[in-house]
Amino acid sequence: MRWIDKMNERAELMGRMLETIGAMEVMPEGALLDQSLREASSRCLNCKHADGCKDWLAENAKGAEEPYRECPNAELFKSFLKRS
């Protein structure tokens, strides 16, 4: 897979994960979020569980209370939910 295709795929997965758990509506704003999302993007890009993530997203298409447990960003995403 070309690097740009991998970046696009992972950005889509991360966005879908945030939507699935309802974190998009409650994410903080500002510089702290920008830095957190840059770091999260890097973790997602290097994650070895993309296939499991895709399966989890398919199984939880109607929503979930927590992110995929193997997600390297699970704790960050859960922290967004705790702020709501």
Protein backbone atom coordinates (compact mmCIF):
# COMPACT_ATOMS: atom_id res chain seq x y z
CA MET A 1 0.00 0.00 0.00
CA ARG A 2 1.34 3.42 -0.90
CA TRP A 3 2.00 5.67 2.09
CA ILE A 4 -0.64 8.21 1.05
CA ASP A 5 -3.25 5.46 0.75
CA LYS A 6 -2.32 4.20 4.20
CA MET A 7 -2.62 7.73 5.63
CA ASN A 8 -6.06 8.16 4.07
CA GLU A 9 -7.21 4.76 5.29
CA ARG A 10 -6.07 5.40 8.85
CA ALA A 11 -7.60 8.89 8.94
CA GLU A 12 -10.90 7.35 7.89
CA LEU A 13 -10.65 4.63 10.55
CA MET A 14 -9.83 7.15 13.27
CA GLY A 15 -12.74 9.38 12.26
CA ARG A 16 -15.12 6.44 12.17
CA MET A 17 -13.94 5.31 15.61
CA LEU A 18 -14.58 8.77 17.05
CA GLU A 19 -18.03 8.86 15.43
CA THR A 20 -18.90 5.34 16.58
CA ILE A 21 -18.23 6.10 20.24
CA GLY A 22 -19.84 9.54 20.09
CA ALA A 23 -16.64 11.45 20.78
CA MET A 24 -16.85 13.80 17.79
CA GLU A 25 -19.54 15.86 19.48
CA VAL A 26 -17.66 16.26 22.77
CA MET A 27 -14.05 16.72 21.70
CA PRO A 28 -12.24 19.66 23.28
CA GLU A 29 -11.00 22.48 21.09
CA GLY A 30 -7.79 24.40 20.74
CA ALA A 31 -4.06 23.78 20.68
CA LEU A 32 -4.20 20.89 23.15
CA LEU A 33 -6.58 19.02 20.85
CA ASP A 34 -4.42 19.78 17.82
CA GLN A 35 -1.35 18.26 19.47
CA SER A 36 -3.33 15.29 20.80
CA LEU A 37 -4.73 14.53 17.35
CA ARG A 38 -1.31 14.79 15.71
CA GLU A 39 0.01 12.24 18.19
CA ALA A 40 -3.10 10.07 17.78
CA SER A 41 -2.69 10.14 14.00
CA SER A 42 0.88 8.95 14.31
CA ARG A 43 -0.14 6.11 16.64
CA CYS A 44 -2.94 5.11 14.27
CA LEU A 45 -0.65 5.21 11.25
CA ASN A 46 1.77 2.83 12.98
CA CYS A 47 -0.89 0.56 14.51
CA LYS A 48 -0.71 -3.16 13.75
CA HIS A 49 -4.43 -3.73 14.45
CA ALA A 50 -6.05 -2.07 11.42
CA ASP A 51 -7.84 -5.25 10.35
CA GLY A 52 -9.22 -5.74 13.86
CA CYS A 53 -10.26 -2.09 13.90
CA LYS A 54 -12.15 -2.51 10.63
CA ASP A 55 -13.90 -5.60 12.00
CA TRP A 56 -14.77 -3.79 15.24
CA LEU A 57 -16.18 -0.83 13.32
CA ALA A 58 -18.31 -3.15 11.18
CA GLU A 59 -19.61 -4.96 14.27
CA ASN A 60 -20.39 -1.68 16.04
CA ALA A 61 -21.83 0.28 13.13
CA LYS A 62 -24.77 1.41 15.28
CA GLY A 63 -22.49 2.79 18.00
CA ALA A 64 -20.46 1.74 21.01
CA GLU A 65 -19.72 3.10 24.45
CA GLU A 66 -15.96 2.53 24.27
CA PRO A 67 -13.37 2.28 21.49
CA TYR A 68 -11.82 -0.93 20.21
CA ARG A 69 -9.71 -2.27 23.06
CA GLU A 70 -6.61 -2.80 20.88
CA CYS A 71 -6.71 0.80 19.64
CA PRO A 72 -3.53 2.64 20.63
CA ASN A 73 -5.70 5.74 21.07
CA ALA A 74 -8.38 4.13 23.22
CA GLU A 75 -7.42 6.00 26.40
CA LEU A 76 -7.30 9.36 24.60
CA PHE A 77 -10.68 8.76 22.99
CA LYS A 78 -12.18 7.69 26.32
CA SER A 79 -10.81 10.89 27.87
CA PHE A 80 -12.82 12.90 25.33
CA LEU A 81 -15.97 11.10 26.50
CA LYS A 82 -15.22 11.77 30.17
CA ARG A 83 -15.15 15.53 29.52
CA SER A 84 -18.74 15.57 28.30
